N, C-alpha and C. Protein backbone atom coordinates (compact mmCIF):
# COMPACT_ATOMS: atom_id res chain seq x y z
N MET A 1 -74.05 114.83 -63.74
CA MET A 1 -73.70 114.03 -64.90
C MET A 1 -72.39 113.29 -64.65
N GLU A 2 -72.42 112.00 -64.76
CA GLU A 2 -71.23 111.18 -64.54
C GLU A 2 -70.53 110.97 -65.88
N SER A 3 -69.21 111.17 -65.88
CA SER A 3 -68.44 111.08 -67.11
C SER A 3 -67.72 109.74 -67.23
N ASP A 4 -67.54 109.32 -68.47
CA ASP A 4 -66.78 108.11 -68.77
C ASP A 4 -65.28 108.43 -68.78
N ILE A 5 -64.93 109.72 -68.76
CA ILE A 5 -63.54 110.16 -68.80
C ILE A 5 -63.01 110.26 -67.37
N ILE A 6 -61.89 109.59 -67.10
CA ILE A 6 -61.32 109.60 -65.75
C ILE A 6 -59.84 109.99 -65.79
N THR A 7 -59.33 110.40 -64.65
CA THR A 7 -57.96 110.89 -64.50
C THR A 7 -57.01 109.76 -64.10
N ILE A 8 -55.72 110.08 -64.08
CA ILE A 8 -54.71 109.10 -63.65
C ILE A 8 -55.01 108.63 -62.22
N LYS A 9 -55.36 109.56 -61.36
CA LYS A 9 -55.66 109.20 -59.97
C LYS A 9 -56.82 108.21 -59.90
N GLU A 10 -57.87 108.47 -60.67
CA GLU A 10 -59.03 107.59 -60.68
C GLU A 10 -58.70 106.23 -61.28
N VAL A 11 -57.85 106.21 -62.31
CA VAL A 11 -57.42 104.93 -62.90
C VAL A 11 -56.63 104.13 -61.86
N ALA A 12 -55.74 104.80 -61.16
CA ALA A 12 -54.93 104.13 -60.13
C ALA A 12 -55.84 103.51 -59.07
N GLU A 13 -56.85 104.24 -58.65
CA GLU A 13 -57.79 103.72 -57.65
C GLU A 13 -58.57 102.54 -58.23
N TYR A 14 -59.01 102.68 -59.47
CA TYR A 14 -59.81 101.63 -60.13
C TYR A 14 -59.02 100.34 -60.29
N LEU A 15 -57.75 100.46 -60.71
CA LEU A 15 -56.92 99.28 -60.95
C LEU A 15 -56.14 98.85 -59.70
N ARG A 16 -56.21 99.68 -58.66
CA ARG A 16 -55.49 99.43 -57.40
C ARG A 16 -53.98 99.31 -57.62
N ILE A 17 -53.46 100.30 -58.36
CA ILE A 17 -52.02 100.41 -58.57
C ILE A 17 -51.61 101.86 -58.32
N LYS A 18 -50.31 102.11 -58.28
CA LYS A 18 -49.81 103.46 -58.03
C LYS A 18 -50.02 104.36 -59.24
N GLU A 19 -50.19 105.65 -58.97
CA GLU A 19 -50.38 106.64 -60.04
C GLU A 19 -49.18 106.63 -60.99
N LYS A 20 -47.97 106.48 -60.46
CA LYS A 20 -46.78 106.46 -61.31
C LYS A 20 -46.83 105.28 -62.29
N THR A 21 -47.33 104.16 -61.84
CA THR A 21 -47.45 102.98 -62.71
C THR A 21 -48.44 103.27 -63.84
N VAL A 22 -49.55 103.93 -63.53
CA VAL A 22 -50.52 104.29 -64.56
C VAL A 22 -49.86 105.21 -65.58
N TYR A 23 -49.14 106.22 -65.10
CA TYR A 23 -48.47 107.17 -66.00
C TYR A 23 -47.48 106.42 -66.90
N ASP A 24 -46.68 105.55 -66.33
CA ASP A 24 -45.69 104.79 -67.11
C ASP A 24 -46.37 103.91 -68.17
N LEU A 25 -47.43 103.22 -67.79
CA LEU A 25 -48.16 102.37 -68.74
C LEU A 25 -48.75 103.20 -69.88
N ALA A 26 -49.32 104.35 -69.53
CA ALA A 26 -49.92 105.23 -70.54
C ALA A 26 -48.85 105.78 -71.49
N ALA A 27 -47.74 106.23 -70.93
CA ALA A 27 -46.66 106.81 -71.74
C ALA A 27 -46.08 105.78 -72.70
N LYS A 28 -46.07 104.51 -72.31
CA LYS A 28 -45.54 103.44 -73.15
C LYS A 28 -46.60 102.87 -74.10
N GLY A 29 -47.83 103.38 -74.01
CA GLY A 29 -48.90 102.90 -74.87
C GLY A 29 -49.44 101.53 -74.50
N LYS A 30 -49.20 101.11 -73.27
CA LYS A 30 -49.64 99.79 -72.84
C LYS A 30 -51.03 99.80 -72.22
N ILE A 31 -51.57 100.98 -72.01
CA ILE A 31 -52.91 101.14 -71.47
C ILE A 31 -53.60 102.22 -72.30
N PRO A 32 -54.88 102.05 -72.62
CA PRO A 32 -55.54 103.03 -73.49
C PRO A 32 -55.79 104.37 -72.79
N GLY A 33 -55.25 105.42 -73.37
CA GLY A 33 -55.43 106.76 -72.81
C GLY A 33 -55.08 107.81 -73.83
N PHE A 34 -55.33 109.06 -73.49
CA PHE A 34 -55.02 110.17 -74.38
C PHE A 34 -54.72 111.40 -73.55
N LYS A 35 -54.01 112.34 -74.16
CA LYS A 35 -53.65 113.56 -73.46
C LYS A 35 -54.58 114.71 -73.86
N VAL A 36 -54.94 115.51 -72.87
CA VAL A 36 -55.71 116.73 -73.08
C VAL A 36 -54.92 117.84 -72.40
N GLY A 37 -54.35 118.73 -73.21
CA GLY A 37 -53.56 119.82 -72.64
C GLY A 37 -52.41 119.34 -71.77
N GLY A 38 -51.81 118.22 -72.12
CA GLY A 38 -50.67 117.70 -71.37
C GLY A 38 -51.04 116.78 -70.22
N ALA A 39 -52.33 116.64 -69.93
CA ALA A 39 -52.76 115.77 -68.83
C ALA A 39 -53.40 114.50 -69.40
N TRP A 40 -53.05 113.36 -68.84
CA TRP A 40 -53.60 112.10 -69.29
C TRP A 40 -55.06 111.96 -68.88
N ARG A 41 -55.86 111.42 -69.79
CA ARG A 41 -57.26 111.11 -69.52
C ARG A 41 -57.54 109.73 -70.11
N PHE A 42 -58.52 109.06 -69.53
CA PHE A 42 -58.84 107.69 -69.92
C PHE A 42 -60.35 107.51 -69.98
N ARG A 43 -60.81 106.69 -70.92
CA ARG A 43 -62.23 106.32 -70.97
C ARG A 43 -62.38 105.03 -70.16
N LYS A 44 -63.25 105.07 -69.16
CA LYS A 44 -63.44 103.89 -68.32
C LYS A 44 -63.89 102.71 -69.17
N SER A 45 -64.72 102.96 -70.17
CA SER A 45 -65.20 101.87 -71.03
C SER A 45 -64.03 101.21 -71.78
N GLU A 46 -63.05 102.02 -72.21
CA GLU A 46 -61.87 101.46 -72.90
C GLU A 46 -60.99 100.69 -71.92
N LEU A 47 -60.88 101.17 -70.70
CA LEU A 47 -60.12 100.43 -69.69
C LEU A 47 -60.77 99.07 -69.41
N ASP A 48 -62.10 99.07 -69.34
CA ASP A 48 -62.81 97.80 -69.11
C ASP A 48 -62.55 96.81 -70.25
N LYS A 49 -62.53 97.31 -71.49
CA LYS A 49 -62.21 96.45 -72.64
C LYS A 49 -60.77 95.94 -72.53
N TRP A 50 -59.85 96.82 -72.14
CA TRP A 50 -58.44 96.45 -71.99
C TRP A 50 -58.29 95.38 -70.91
N ILE A 51 -58.99 95.55 -69.80
CA ILE A 51 -58.94 94.57 -68.71
C ILE A 51 -59.44 93.21 -69.22
N HIS A 52 -60.56 93.22 -69.91
CA HIS A 52 -61.12 91.98 -70.46
C HIS A 52 -60.13 91.29 -71.38
N LYS A 53 -59.46 92.08 -72.22
CA LYS A 53 -58.46 91.52 -73.13
C LYS A 53 -57.29 90.92 -72.36
N GLN A 54 -56.86 91.59 -71.28
CA GLN A 54 -55.75 91.10 -70.48
C GLN A 54 -56.10 89.77 -69.79
N GLU A 55 -57.36 89.64 -69.41
CA GLU A 55 -57.80 88.40 -68.74
C GLU A 55 -57.76 87.22 -69.70
N GLY A 56 -57.88 87.49 -70.99
CA GLY A 56 -57.88 86.42 -71.98
C GLY A 56 -56.50 85.88 -72.30
N LYS A 57 -55.46 86.56 -71.84
CA LYS A 57 -54.09 86.13 -72.16
C LYS A 57 -53.63 85.03 -71.24
């Protein structure tokens, strides 16, 4: 079963940026994510929407 929920490492690979950059963006609320037990998690579908919105700017 493939999940829509991905980790910071997977987001970094997907966006081709450093893990620290993903963490900083998430902590500042600039990228859609949520914490589970202190660890950041992201919905790939929400990231895709965020990317689409960024392309429109």
